Amino acid sequence: MQPDFWLERWREGRIGFHREEVMPLLVQHWPALAVPAGGQVFVPLAGKTLDMIWLAAQGHPVLGAELSPLAVQQFFEENGLRPQVTDTPAGRLHAVDGIALMLGDVFALEAAALATCEAVYDRAALIALPPELRARYADEVYGRLPIGCRGLLITLEYPQPEKDGPPFSVDEAEVHRLFADRWDIERLERRDILANEASFRAEGVTALHTAVYRLRKRA
């Protein structure tokens, strides 16, 4: 899946993945990670999610990564924020009030940029990627996060032949295939959400669950 796919979706306003509220599963399960006060949180493929605002309000500096200039522009404009902008080797960094949002390719982030992240929050990144990119993403991006980093990962599960992604179905077996060699994994919750997702039902999807995982990177 090429970057142009996502850039076009933002240009055309086809961003059904964006939520106009903070993700309830984040609020419910974040305490389970016990991220130290002031610990920086990495938010990959951040879009303009309000979850970054919520995390910053909990006292966590946020480092987001986003490919679309429109998403970055809208995030700051819609939240009344005026960031300072700095050009870096990985992209253009927009920073204000404890939130730093990198405009660029998440795969271009070097280990040094992620070395201070004590947690990663992944609601819409892993499930946005096709299988071949999911493996690369887990190996390269998660691979650059430091030992001891905690993660909150939210996935979707549905019969993949019933719908073209994204978002893609990522079941528990795949989560373990992708992460178990470096990360401790605990499923915190799995719930049936088909009744609440009219767009999935309209496409003929017959089963839909969301799952939440707690991760911790091993030495």
N, C-alpha and C. Protein backbone atom coordinates (compact mmCIF):
# COMPACT_ATOMS: atom_id res chain seq x y z
N MET A 1 0.86 -1.19 0.00
CA MET A 1 0.00 0.00 0.00
C MET A 1 0.89 1.23 0.00
N GLN A 2 0.73 2.06 -1.00
CA GLN A 2 1.61 3.20 -1.19
C GLN A 2 1.13 4.42 -0.40
N PRO A 3 2.07 5.33 -0.06
CA PRO A 3 1.67 6.56 0.66
C PRO A 3 0.58 7.34 -0.04
N ASP A 4 0.58 7.33 -1.38
CA ASP A 4 -0.44 8.09 -2.11
C ASP A 4 -1.85 7.67 -1.75
N PHE A 5 -2.04 6.42 -1.37
CA PHE A 5 -3.36 5.93 -0.98
C PHE A 5 -3.90 6.75 0.19
N TRP A 6 -3.06 6.94 1.22
CA TRP A 6 -3.50 7.66 2.41
C TRP A 6 -3.59 9.17 2.15
N LEU A 7 -2.66 9.69 1.37
CA LEU A 7 -2.72 11.12 1.05
C LEU A 7 -4.01 11.45 0.32
N GLU A 8 -4.41 10.57 -0.60
CA GLU A 8 -5.64 10.79 -1.34
C GLU A 8 -6.86 10.72 -0.43
N ARG A 9 -6.87 9.78 0.50
CA ARG A 9 -8.00 9.67 1.41
C ARG A 9 -8.16 10.93 2.25
N TRP A 10 -7.05 11.50 2.70
CA TRP A 10 -7.15 12.75 3.45
C TRP A 10 -7.60 13.90 2.55
N ARG A 11 -7.11 13.96 1.33
CA ARG A 11 -7.53 15.02 0.41
C ARG A 11 -9.02 14.94 0.12
N GLU A 12 -9.54 13.73 -0.01
CA GLU A 12 -10.95 13.53 -0.34
C GLU A 12 -11.84 13.48 0.90
N GLY A 13 -11.26 13.57 2.08
CA GLY A 13 -12.05 13.53 3.30
C GLY A 13 -12.62 12.17 3.63
N ARG A 14 -12.03 11.11 3.06
CA ARG A 14 -12.51 9.75 3.34
C ARG A 14 -11.73 9.20 4.54
N ILE A 15 -12.09 9.73 5.72
CA ILE A 15 -11.34 9.40 6.93
C ILE A 15 -12.30 8.84 7.99
N GLY A 16 -13.03 7.82 7.58
CA GLY A 16 -13.95 7.18 8.52
C GLY A 16 -13.27 6.59 9.73
N PHE A 17 -11.96 6.38 9.65
CA PHE A 17 -11.20 5.85 10.77
C PHE A 17 -11.00 6.87 11.87
N HIS A 18 -11.21 8.17 11.54
CA HIS A 18 -11.02 9.21 12.55
C HIS A 18 -12.23 9.25 13.49
N ARG A 19 -11.94 9.34 14.78
CA ARG A 19 -12.99 9.44 15.80
C ARG A 19 -13.08 10.88 16.29
N GLU A 20 -14.31 11.34 16.50
CA GLU A 20 -14.52 12.70 16.99
C GLU A 20 -14.51 12.76 18.52
N GLU A 21 -14.05 11.69 19.14
CA GLU A 21 -13.94 11.65 20.59
C GLU A 21 -12.73 10.79 20.95
N VAL A 22 -12.31 10.89 22.20
CA VAL A 22 -11.22 10.05 22.68
C VAL A 22 -11.67 8.59 22.69
N MET A 23 -10.79 7.69 22.30
CA MET A 23 -11.11 6.27 22.24
C MET A 23 -11.41 5.74 23.64
N PRO A 24 -12.64 5.24 23.88
CA PRO A 24 -12.97 4.74 25.23
C PRO A 24 -12.04 3.62 25.70
N LEU A 25 -11.58 2.77 24.77
CA LEU A 25 -10.69 1.68 25.18
C LEU A 25 -9.35 2.21 25.67
N LEU A 26 -8.91 3.35 25.16
CA LEU A 26 -7.70 3.98 25.68
C LEU A 26 -7.91 4.41 27.12
N VAL A 27 -8.99 5.12 27.38
CA VAL A 27 -9.28 5.61 28.73
C VAL A 27 -9.41 4.44 29.70
N GLN A 28 -10.08 3.37 29.26
CA GLN A 28 -10.31 2.22 30.14
C GLN A 28 -9.03 1.47 30.48
N HIS A 29 -8.18 1.26 29.48
CA HIS A 29 -7.07 0.33 29.67
C HIS A 29 -5.71 1.00 29.88
N TRP A 30 -5.60 2.30 29.66
CA TRP A 30 -4.30 2.94 29.83
C TRP A 30 -3.70 2.72 31.22
N PRO A 31 -4.49 2.80 32.30
CA PRO A 31 -3.89 2.59 33.63
C PRO A 31 -3.19 1.25 33.78
N ALA A 32 -3.61 0.24 33.00
CA ALA A 32 -2.99 -1.09 33.12
C ALA A 32 -1.53 -1.08 32.71
N LEU A 33 -1.10 -0.08 31.93
CA LEU A 33 0.29 -0.03 31.51
C LEU A 33 1.21 0.52 32.59
N ALA A 34 0.64 1.29 33.52
CA ALA A 34 1.44 1.89 34.60
C ALA A 34 2.65 2.64 34.04
N VAL A 35 2.41 3.45 33.03
CA VAL A 35 3.49 4.26 32.46
C VAL A 35 3.92 5.31 33.49
N PRO A 36 5.21 5.44 33.76
CA PRO A 36 5.65 6.42 34.76
C PRO A 36 5.19 7.83 34.43
N ALA A 37 4.96 8.62 35.47
CA ALA A 37 4.58 10.02 35.27
C ALA A 37 5.63 10.71 34.42
N GLY A 38 5.17 11.42 33.41
CA GLY A 38 6.08 12.13 32.53
C GLY A 38 6.69 11.28 31.44
N GLY A 39 6.33 9.98 31.37
CA GLY A 39 6.86 9.10 30.35
C GLY A 39 6.34 9.46 28.97
N GLN A 40 7.22 9.54 28.00
CA GLN A 40 6.82 9.91 26.65
C GLN A 40 6.09 8.75 25.96
N VAL A 41 5.06 9.09 25.18
CA VAL A 41 4.25 8.10 24.48
C VAL A 41 4.37 8.32 22.97
N PHE A 42 4.67 7.25 22.26
CA PHE A 42 4.76 7.28 20.80
C PHE A 42 3.41 6.87 20.22
N VAL A 43 2.90 7.68 19.26
CA VAL A 43 1.62 7.39 18.60
C VAL A 43 1.88 7.31 17.10
N PRO A 44 2.05 6.10 16.55
CA PRO A 44 2.33 5.96 15.12
C PRO A 44 1.07 6.13 14.27
N LEU A 45 1.25 6.64 13.04
CA LEU A 45 0.15 6.87 12.12
C LEU A 45 -0.99 7.59 12.85
N ALA A 46 -0.65 8.73 13.44
CA ALA A 46 -1.51 9.39 14.41
C ALA A 46 -2.72 10.07 13.80
N GLY A 47 -2.66 10.46 12.52
CA GLY A 47 -3.77 11.22 11.96
C GLY A 47 -3.94 12.50 12.75
N LYS A 48 -5.19 12.82 13.08
CA LYS A 48 -5.48 13.98 13.94
C LYS A 48 -6.21 13.53 15.19
N THR A 49 -5.88 12.35 15.67
CA THR A 49 -6.61 11.77 16.78
C THR A 49 -6.59 12.63 18.04
N LEU A 50 -7.73 12.72 18.68
CA LEU A 50 -7.84 13.41 19.96
C LEU A 50 -7.20 12.62 21.09
N ASP A 51 -6.84 11.38 20.81
CA ASP A 51 -6.16 10.57 21.83
C ASP A 51 -4.83 11.22 22.23
N MET A 52 -4.20 11.94 21.31
CA MET A 52 -2.95 12.63 21.67
C MET A 52 -3.21 13.73 22.70
N ILE A 53 -4.31 14.43 22.54
CA ILE A 53 -4.69 15.47 23.51
C ILE A 53 -4.92 14.84 24.87
N TRP A 54 -5.61 13.70 24.89
CA TRP A 54 -5.91 13.01 26.15
C TRP A 54 -4.62 12.54 26.82
N LEU A 55 -3.73 11.93 26.06
CA LEU A 55 -2.48 11.44 26.65
C LEU A 55 -1.66 12.59 27.22
N ALA A 56 -1.60 13.71 26.50
CA ALA A 56 -0.86 14.87 27.01
C ALA A 56 -1.49 15.39 28.30
N ALA A 57 -2.82 15.33 28.38
CA ALA A 57 -3.51 15.79 29.58
C ALA A 57 -3.23 14.90 30.79
N GLN A 58 -2.80 13.66 30.53
CA GLN A 58 -2.42 12.76 31.63
C GLN A 58 -0.99 13.01 32.10
N GLY A 59 -0.32 13.98 31.47
CA GLY A 59 1.04 14.32 31.85
C GLY A 59 2.11 13.62 31.04
N HIS A 60 1.72 13.03 29.90
CA HIS A 60 2.69 12.32 29.08
C HIS A 60 3.07 13.15 27.85
N PRO A 61 4.33 13.48 27.67
CA PRO A 61 4.74 14.05 26.38
C PRO A 61 4.42 13.06 25.27
N VAL A 62 3.95 13.56 24.16
CA VAL A 62 3.51 12.72 23.05
C VAL A 62 4.39 12.96 21.85
N LEU A 63 4.82 11.86 21.20
CA LEU A 63 5.49 11.94 19.92
C LEU A 63 4.64 11.17 18.91
N GLY A 64 4.02 11.90 17.99
CA GLY A 64 3.21 11.27 16.96
C GLY A 64 3.95 11.28 15.63
N ALA A 65 3.58 10.35 14.76
CA ALA A 65 4.12 10.31 13.40
C ALA A 65 2.95 10.23 12.43
N GLU A 66 2.95 11.08 11.42
CA GLU A 66 1.84 11.13 10.47
C GLU A 66 2.34 11.53 9.09
N LEU A 67 1.82 10.85 8.07
CA LEU A 67 2.27 11.06 6.70
C LEU A 67 1.59 12.24 6.01
N SER A 68 0.33 12.51 6.38
CA SER A 68 -0.48 13.49 5.65
C SER A 68 -0.30 14.91 6.18
N PRO A 69 0.11 15.85 5.33
CA PRO A 69 0.17 17.26 5.77
C PRO A 69 -1.20 17.78 6.21
N LEU A 70 -2.26 17.34 5.53
CA LEU A 70 -3.60 17.80 5.91
C LEU A 70 -3.97 17.34 7.31
N ALA A 71 -3.63 16.11 7.66
CA ALA A 71 -3.94 15.60 8.99
C ALA A 71 -3.23 16.42 10.06
N VAL A 72 -1.96 16.71 9.81
CA VAL A 72 -1.19 17.49 10.78
C VAL A 72 -1.76 18.90 10.90
N GLN A 73 -2.05 19.53 9.77
CA GLN A 73 -2.61 20.88 9.79
C GLN A 73 -3.94 20.91 10.53
N GLN A 74 -4.81 19.95 10.23
CA GLN A 74 -6.13 19.93 10.86
C GLN A 74 -6.04 19.64 12.35
N PHE A 75 -5.11 18.80 12.75
CA PHE A 75 -4.98 18.50 14.18
C PHE A 75 -4.73 19.78 14.97
N PHE A 76 -3.76 20.56 14.53
CA PHE A 76 -3.43 21.77 15.30
C PHE A 76 -4.49 22.84 15.16
N GLU A 77 -5.04 23.01 13.96
CA GLU A 77 -6.07 24.04 13.78
C GLU A 77 -7.32 23.71 14.58
N GLU A 78 -7.78 22.47 14.53
CA GLU A 78 -9.02 22.10 15.20
C GLU A 78 -8.90 22.13 16.72
N ASN A 79 -7.68 22.05 17.22
CA ASN A 79 -7.48 22.09 18.67
C ASN A 79 -6.93 23.45 19.14
N GLY A 80 -6.92 24.43 18.22
CA GLY A 80 -6.51 25.78 18.59
C GLY A 80 -5.06 25.88 19.03
N LEU A 81 -4.19 25.09 18.42
CA LEU A 81 -2.78 25.06 18.81
C LEU A 81 -1.92 25.65 17.70
N ARG A 82 -0.87 26.37 18.09
CA ARG A 82 0.05 26.98 17.13
C ARG A 82 1.44 26.39 17.38
N PRO A 83 1.81 25.36 16.66
CA PRO A 83 3.07 24.68 16.95
C PRO A 83 4.29 25.42 16.40
N GLN A 84 5.42 25.14 17.01
CA GLN A 84 6.70 25.52 16.43
C GLN A 84 7.11 24.42 15.46
N VAL A 85 7.64 24.79 14.31
CA VAL A 85 7.96 23.83 13.26
C VAL A 85 9.46 23.80 13.03
N THR A 86 10.00 22.58 13.03
CA THR A 86 11.44 22.38 12.85
C THR A 86 11.66 21.28 11.82
N ASP A 87 12.54 21.52 10.88
CA ASP A 87 12.90 20.48 9.91
C ASP A 87 13.94 19.56 10.51
N THR A 88 13.71 18.24 10.38
CA THR A 88 14.62 17.23 10.90
C THR A 88 14.91 16.23 9.79
N PRO A 89 15.92 15.36 9.96
CA PRO A 89 16.19 14.35 8.93
C PRO A 89 15.01 13.41 8.68
N ALA A 90 14.15 13.20 9.69
CA ALA A 90 13.02 12.28 9.54
C ALA A 90 11.76 12.96 9.02
N GLY A 91 11.73 14.30 8.99
CA GLY A 91 10.54 15.01 8.55
C GLY A 91 10.41 16.33 9.26
N ARG A 92 9.26 16.95 9.12
CA ARG A 92 9.01 18.26 9.72
C ARG A 92 8.29 18.08 11.05
N LEU A 93 8.93 18.52 12.13
CA LEU A 93 8.41 18.32 13.48
C LEU A 93 7.61 19.53 13.91
N HIS A 94 6.35 19.28 14.33
CA HIS A 94 5.46 20.32 14.84
C HIS A 94 5.28 20.06 16.34
N ALA A 95 5.60 21.05 17.17
CA ALA A 95 5.59 20.81 18.61
C ALA A 95 4.94 21.97 19.36
N VAL A 96 4.07 21.61 20.32
CA VAL A 96 3.43 22.59 21.19
C VAL A 96 2.76 21.86 22.35
N ASP A 97 2.84 22.44 23.54
CA ASP A 97 2.10 21.96 24.71
C ASP A 97 2.27 20.46 24.95
N GLY A 98 3.48 19.97 24.87
CA GLY A 98 3.73 18.58 25.19
C GLY A 98 3.42 17.60 24.09
N ILE A 99 3.03 18.09 22.92
CA ILE A 99 2.73 17.23 21.78
C ILE A 99 3.67 17.57 20.64
N ALA A 100 4.40 16.56 20.17
CA ALA A 100 5.28 16.71 19.01
C ALA A 100 4.77 15.77 17.93
N LEU A 101 4.43 16.32 16.79
CA LEU A 101 3.88 15.53 15.69
C LEU A 101 4.80 15.64 14.48
N MET A 102 5.38 14.51 14.12
CA MET A 102 6.32 14.46 13.01
C MET A 102 5.57 14.22 11.70
N LEU A 103 5.72 15.13 10.76
CA LEU A 103 5.16 14.95 9.43
C LEU A 103 6.20 14.23 8.58
N GLY A 104 5.94 12.96 8.31
CA GLY A 104 6.90 12.17 7.55
C GLY A 104 6.56 10.70 7.62
N ASP A 105 7.43 9.89 7.06
CA ASP A 105 7.25 8.44 6.98
C ASP A 105 7.64 7.82 8.30
N VAL A 106 6.74 7.06 8.92
CA VAL A 106 7.04 6.44 10.21
C VAL A 106 8.25 5.52 10.12
N PHE A 107 8.49 4.92 8.95
CA PHE A 107 9.63 4.04 8.79
C PHE A 107 10.95 4.81 8.77
N ALA A 108 10.88 6.13 8.59
CA ALA A 108 12.09 6.95 8.56
C ALA A 108 12.55 7.38 9.95
N LEU A 109 11.73 7.15 10.97
CA LEU A 109 12.11 7.51 12.32
C LEU A 109 13.27 6.63 12.78
N GLU A 110 14.34 7.24 13.23
CA GLU A 110 15.49 6.49 13.70
C GLU A 110 15.35 6.13 15.17
N ALA A 111 16.16 5.18 15.61
CA ALA A 111 16.09 4.72 16.99
C ALA A 111 16.31 5.88 17.97
N ALA A 112 17.15 6.83 17.59
CA ALA A 112 17.42 7.95 18.50
C ALA A 112 16.16 8.76 18.78
N ALA A 113 15.27 8.87 17.79
CA ALA A 113 14.04 9.63 17.97
C ALA A 113 13.07 8.92 18.91
N LEU A 114 13.17 7.59 18.97
CA LEU A 114 12.25 6.80 19.78
C LEU A 114 12.86 6.35 21.11
N ALA A 115 14.13 6.66 21.33
CA ALA A 115 14.85 6.12 22.48
C ALA A 115 14.28 6.55 23.82
N THR A 116 13.59 7.71 23.85
CA THR A 116 13.05 8.21 25.11
C THR A 116 11.59 7.85 25.31
N CYS A 117 11.01 7.08 24.39
CA CYS A 117 9.60 6.71 24.51
C CYS A 117 9.43 5.57 25.52
N GLU A 118 8.64 5.81 26.52
CA GLU A 118 8.39 4.78 27.53
C GLU A 118 7.14 3.97 27.22
N ALA A 119 6.39 4.40 26.20
CA ALA A 119 5.18 3.68 25.83
C ALA A 119 4.85 3.95 24.37
N VAL A 120 4.07 3.03 23.80
CA VAL A 120 3.55 3.20 22.44
C VAL A 120 2.06 2.92 22.49
N TYR A 121 1.29 3.77 21.84
CA TYR A 121 -0.16 3.59 21.74
C TYR A 121 -0.52 3.42 20.28
N ASP A 122 -1.02 2.23 19.95
CA ASP A 122 -1.26 1.87 18.55
C ASP A 122 -2.73 1.46 18.39
N ARG A 123 -3.55 2.43 17.97
CA ARG A 123 -4.97 2.13 17.72
C ARG A 123 -5.25 1.89 16.24
N ALA A 124 -4.56 2.61 15.38
CA ALA A 124 -4.95 2.61 13.97
C ALA A 124 -3.77 2.40 13.03
N ALA A 125 -2.62 2.03 13.57
CA ALA A 125 -1.44 1.88 12.72
C ALA A 125 -1.30 0.45 12.21
N LEU A 126 -1.19 -0.51 13.12
CA LEU A 126 -0.99 -1.90 12.70
C LEU A 126 -2.11 -2.36 11.77
N ILE A 127 -3.35 -2.04 12.12
CA ILE A 127 -4.48 -2.53 11.32
C ILE A 127 -4.65 -1.75 10.02
N ALA A 128 -3.89 -0.67 9.85
CA ALA A 128 -3.95 0.09 8.59
C ALA A 128 -3.03 -0.48 7.53
N LEU A 129 -2.16 -1.40 7.92
CA LEU A 129 -1.12 -1.88 7.02
C LEU A 129 -1.44 -3.28 6.49
N PRO A 130 -1.16 -3.54 5.20
CA PRO A 130 -1.32 -4.88 4.65
C PRO A 130 -0.28 -5.83 5.25
N PRO A 131 -0.45 -7.13 5.06
CA PRO A 131 0.40 -8.11 5.77
C PRO A 131 1.89 -7.89 5.61
N GLU A 132 2.35 -7.63 4.39
CA GLU A 132 3.79 -7.50 4.18
C GLU A 132 4.36 -6.28 4.88
N LEU A 133 3.57 -5.20 5.00
CA LEU A 133 4.05 -4.03 5.72
C LEU A 133 3.90 -4.20 7.22
N ARG A 134 2.93 -4.99 7.69
CA ARG A 134 2.79 -5.22 9.12
C ARG A 134 4.05 -5.87 9.68
N ALA A 135 4.59 -6.85 8.97
CA ALA A 135 5.80 -7.53 9.44
C ALA A 135 6.97 -6.54 9.49
N ARG A 136 7.11 -5.73 8.45
CA ARG A 136 8.19 -4.75 8.43
C ARG A 136 8.02 -3.72 9.55
N TYR A 137 6.78 -3.28 9.75
CA TYR A 137 6.47 -2.30 10.78
C TYR A 137 6.82 -2.83 12.17
N ALA A 138 6.42 -4.06 12.46
CA ALA A 138 6.72 -4.65 13.76
C ALA A 138 8.22 -4.80 13.96
N ASP A 139 8.93 -5.17 12.91
CA ASP A 139 10.36 -5.40 13.01
C ASP A 139 11.14 -4.09 13.11
N GLU A 140 10.81 -3.13 12.26
CA GLU A 140 11.61 -1.92 12.18
C GLU A 140 11.17 -0.84 13.17
N VAL A 141 9.89 -0.51 13.17
CA VAL A 141 9.42 0.61 14.00
C VAL A 141 9.38 0.18 15.46
N TYR A 142 8.67 -0.90 15.77
CA TYR A 142 8.65 -1.39 17.16
C TYR A 142 10.05 -1.82 17.58
N GLY A 143 10.85 -2.29 16.61
CA GLY A 143 12.20 -2.71 16.93
C GLY A 143 13.09 -1.60 17.42
N ARG A 144 12.78 -0.36 17.08
CA ARG A 144 13.58 0.79 17.50
C ARG A 144 13.16 1.35 18.87
N LEU A 145 12.07 0.85 19.40
CA LEU A 145 11.64 1.30 20.73
C LEU A 145 12.54 0.66 21.78
N PRO A 146 12.75 1.34 22.90
CA PRO A 146 13.73 0.85 23.89
C PRO A 146 13.20 -0.32 24.72
N ILE A 147 14.13 -1.07 25.28
CA ILE A 147 13.78 -2.15 26.21
C ILE A 147 13.00 -1.57 27.38
N GLY A 148 11.97 -2.27 27.81
CA GLY A 148 11.12 -1.80 28.90
C GLY A 148 9.93 -0.98 28.44
N CYS A 149 9.91 -0.60 27.15
CA CYS A 149 8.78 0.17 26.61
C CYS A 149 7.49 -0.63 26.78
N ARG A 150 6.41 0.04 27.18
CA ARG A 150 5.10 -0.60 27.31
C ARG A 150 4.25 -0.23 26.10
N GLY A 151 3.31 -1.06 25.75
CA GLY A 151 2.45 -0.77 24.61
C GLY A 151 1.00 -1.08 24.88
N LEU A 152 0.12 -0.26 24.31
CA LEU A 152 -1.31 -0.55 24.27
C LEU A 152 -1.68 -0.66 22.80
N LEU A 153 -2.03 -1.87 22.39
CA LEU A 153 -2.32 -2.18 20.99
C LEU A 153 -3.79 -2.57 20.86
N ILE A 154 -4.49 -1.91 19.93
CA ILE A 154 -5.90 -2.20 19.68
C ILE A 154 -6.04 -2.72 18.26
N THR A 155 -6.69 -3.86 18.11
CA THR A 155 -6.84 -4.47 16.79
C THR A 155 -8.30 -4.74 16.47
N LEU A 156 -8.55 -5.11 15.22
CA LEU A 156 -9.85 -5.58 14.76
C LEU A 156 -9.70 -7.01 14.26
N GLU A 157 -10.76 -7.80 14.41
CA GLU A 157 -10.80 -9.16 13.90
C GLU A 157 -12.11 -9.37 13.16
N TYR A 158 -12.02 -9.78 11.90
CA TYR A 158 -13.21 -10.11 11.12
C TYR A 158 -12.78 -11.05 9.99
N PRO A 159 -13.70 -11.73 9.34
CA PRO A 159 -13.32 -12.60 8.22
C PRO A 159 -12.77 -11.77 7.07
N GLN A 160 -11.46 -11.81 6.87
CA GLN A 160 -10.83 -10.92 5.89
C GLN A 160 -11.41 -11.03 4.48
N PRO A 161 -11.82 -12.24 4.01
CA PRO A 161 -12.40 -12.31 2.66
C PRO A 161 -13.70 -11.52 2.48
N GLU A 162 -14.33 -11.16 3.61
CA GLU A 162 -15.60 -10.44 3.51
C GLU A 162 -15.43 -8.94 3.27
N LYS A 163 -14.21 -8.43 3.40
CA LYS A 163 -14.01 -6.98 3.25
C LYS A 163 -12.56 -6.71 2.86
N ASP A 164 -12.39 -5.77 1.95
CA ASP A 164 -11.05 -5.30 1.64
C ASP A 164 -10.61 -4.29 2.69
N GLY A 165 -9.40 -4.47 3.21
CA GLY A 165 -8.87 -3.47 4.12
C GLY A 165 -8.29 -2.30 3.34
N PRO A 166 -7.88 -1.26 4.04
CA PRO A 166 -7.87 -1.11 5.49
C PRO A 166 -9.22 -0.63 6.03
N PRO A 167 -9.46 -0.81 7.33
CA PRO A 167 -8.59 -1.51 8.27
C PRO A 167 -8.60 -3.01 8.01
N PHE A 168 -7.47 -3.65 8.33
CA PHE A 168 -7.33 -5.07 8.12
C PHE A 168 -7.61 -5.84 9.41
N SER A 169 -7.96 -7.09 9.23
CA SER A 169 -8.13 -7.98 10.37
C SER A 169 -6.76 -8.46 10.85
N VAL A 170 -6.52 -8.34 12.14
CA VAL A 170 -5.28 -8.84 12.76
C VAL A 170 -5.68 -9.63 13.99
N ASP A 171 -5.62 -10.95 13.90
CA ASP A 171 -6.07 -11.77 15.02
C ASP A 171 -4.96 -11.98 16.04
N GLU A 172 -5.31 -12.67 17.13
CA GLU A 172 -4.35 -12.83 18.23
C GLU A 172 -3.14 -13.64 17.80
N ALA A 173 -3.36 -14.64 16.95
CA ALA A 173 -2.23 -15.44 16.49
C ALA A 173 -1.23 -14.58 15.73
N GLU A 174 -1.73 -13.64 14.93
CA GLU A 174 -0.81 -12.77 14.19
C GLU A 174 -0.10 -11.81 15.12
N VAL A 175 -0.79 -11.29 16.12
CA VAL A 175 -0.13 -10.43 17.08
C VAL A 175 1.07 -11.15 17.70
N HIS A 176 0.89 -12.41 18.04
CA HIS A 176 2.00 -13.17 18.63
C HIS A 176 3.10 -13.44 17.60
N ARG A 177 2.72 -13.72 16.36
CA ARG A 177 3.74 -13.93 15.33
C ARG A 177 4.59 -12.67 15.13
N LEU A 178 3.96 -11.53 15.19
CA LEU A 178 4.66 -10.28 14.93
C LEU A 178 5.52 -9.82 16.09
N PHE A 179 5.08 -10.07 17.32
CA PHE A 179 5.71 -9.41 18.46
C PHE A 179 6.32 -10.33 19.51
N ALA A 180 5.95 -11.60 19.54
CA ALA A 180 6.30 -12.43 20.70
C ALA A 180 7.80 -12.65 20.86
N ASP A 181 8.58 -12.48 19.80
CA ASP A 181 10.02 -12.71 19.94
C ASP A 181 10.71 -11.61 20.74
N ARG A 182 10.08 -10.42 20.83
CA ARG A 182 10.70 -9.30 21.55
C ARG A 182 9.83 -8.72 22.65
N TRP A 183 8.55 -9.03 22.62
CA TRP A 183 7.60 -8.38 23.53
C TRP A 183 6.81 -9.41 24.33
N ASP A 184 6.57 -9.12 25.61
CA ASP A 184 5.58 -9.86 26.38
C ASP A 184 4.21 -9.34 25.97
N ILE A 185 3.26 -10.25 25.81
CA ILE A 185 1.94 -9.90 25.27
C ILE A 185 0.86 -10.42 26.21
N GLU A 186 -0.08 -9.57 26.55
CA GLU A 186 -1.24 -9.98 27.34
C GLU A 186 -2.50 -9.36 26.73
N ARG A 187 -3.47 -10.20 26.39
CA ARG A 187 -4.73 -9.67 25.91
C ARG A 187 -5.56 -9.20 27.09
N LEU A 188 -5.97 -7.94 27.05
CA LEU A 188 -6.75 -7.36 28.14
C LEU A 188 -8.24 -7.49 27.92
N GLU A 189 -8.66 -7.49 26.64
CA GLU A 189 -10.10 -7.52 26.36
C GLU A 189 -10.32 -7.92 24.91
N ARG A 190 -11.42 -8.58 24.67
CA ARG A 190 -11.90 -8.83 23.31
C ARG A 190 -13.41 -8.71 23.35
N ARG A 191 -13.98 -7.87 22.47
CA ARG A 191 -15.44 -7.67 22.51
C ARG A 191 -16.02 -7.64 21.11
N ASP A 192 -17.28 -8.05 21.01
CA ASP A 192 -18.04 -8.04 19.76
C ASP A 192 -18.57 -6.63 19.53
N ILE A 193 -18.21 -6.03 18.39
CA ILE A 193 -18.64 -4.65 18.11
C ILE A 193 -19.42 -4.54 16.81
N LEU A 194 -19.81 -5.67 16.22
CA LEU A 194 -20.47 -5.62 14.91
C LEU A 194 -21.74 -4.78 14.95
N ALA A 195 -22.51 -4.87 16.02
CA ALA A 195 -23.78 -4.14 16.11
C ALA A 195 -23.57 -2.63 16.06
N ASN A 196 -22.37 -2.18 16.44
CA ASN A 196 -22.09 -0.74 16.48
C ASN A 196 -21.42 -0.21 15.22
N GLU A 197 -21.14 -1.09 14.26
CA GLU A 197 -20.36 -0.70 13.08
C GLU A 197 -21.18 -0.91 11.81
N ALA A 198 -22.01 0.07 11.48
CA ALA A 198 -22.92 -0.05 10.35
C ALA A 198 -22.17 -0.20 9.03
N SER A 199 -21.02 0.46 8.90
CA SER A 199 -20.29 0.40 7.63
C SER A 199 -19.78 -1.02 7.36
N PHE A 200 -19.36 -1.72 8.41
CA PHE A 200 -18.93 -3.11 8.24
C PHE A 200 -20.11 -3.99 7.86
N ARG A 201 -21.23 -3.81 8.51
CA ARG A 201 -22.41 -4.62 8.20
C ARG A 201 -22.85 -4.36 6.76
N ALA A 202 -22.77 -3.10 6.33
CA ALA A 202 -23.20 -2.76 4.97
C ALA A 202 -22.32 -3.44 3.92
N GLU A 203 -21.08 -3.74 4.27
CA GLU A 203 -20.18 -4.42 3.35
C GLU A 203 -20.29 -5.94 3.43
N GLY A 204 -21.22 -6.41 4.26
CA GLY A 204 -21.44 -7.84 4.35
C GLY A 204 -20.60 -8.57 5.37
N VAL A 205 -19.92 -7.84 6.25
CA VAL A 205 -19.12 -8.48 7.29
C VAL A 205 -20.05 -9.15 8.30
N THR A 206 -19.79 -10.41 8.61
CA THR A 206 -20.69 -11.19 9.46
C THR A 206 -20.23 -11.30 10.91
N ALA A 207 -18.99 -10.91 11.18
CA ALA A 207 -18.47 -10.96 12.55
C ALA A 207 -17.38 -9.91 12.69
N LEU A 208 -17.37 -9.20 13.82
CA LEU A 208 -16.38 -8.15 14.03
C LEU A 208 -16.11 -8.01 15.52
N HIS A 209 -14.85 -8.15 15.89
CA HIS A 209 -14.43 -7.98 17.27
C HIS A 209 -13.27 -6.98 17.33
N THR A 210 -13.15 -6.32 18.47
CA THR A 210 -11.96 -5.54 18.75
C THR A 210 -11.25 -6.18 19.93
N ALA A 211 -9.93 -6.13 19.90
CA ALA A 211 -9.13 -6.71 20.97
C ALA A 211 -8.10 -5.69 21.43
N VAL A 212 -7.77 -5.75 22.71
CA VAL A 212 -6.83 -4.83 23.32
C VAL A 212 -5.72 -5.65 23.96
N TYR A 213 -4.47 -5.27 23.68
CA TYR A 213 -3.31 -5.99 24.20
C TYR A 213 -2.39 -5.04 24.97
N ARG A 214 -1.83 -5.59 26.03
CA ARG A 214 -0.75 -4.90 26.76
C ARG A 214 0.56 -5.54 26.36
N LEU A 215 1.53 -4.71 25.96
CA LEU A 215 2.83 -5.18 25.53
C LEU A 215 3.93 -4.64 26.45
N ARG A 216 5.02 -5.37 26.53
CA ARG A 216 6.21 -4.86 27.22
C ARG A 216 7.44 -5.45 26.56
N LYS A 217 8.37 -4.59 26.18
CA LYS A 217 9.54 -5.05 25.44
C LYS A 217 10.58 -5.66 26.39
N ARG A 218 11.00 -6.87 26.05
CA ARG A 218 11.95 -7.59 26.88
C ARG A 218 13.39 -7.21 26.54
N ALA A 219 14.27 -7.47 27.49
CA ALA A 219 15.70 -7.28 27.27
C ALA A 219 16.21 -8.36 26.30
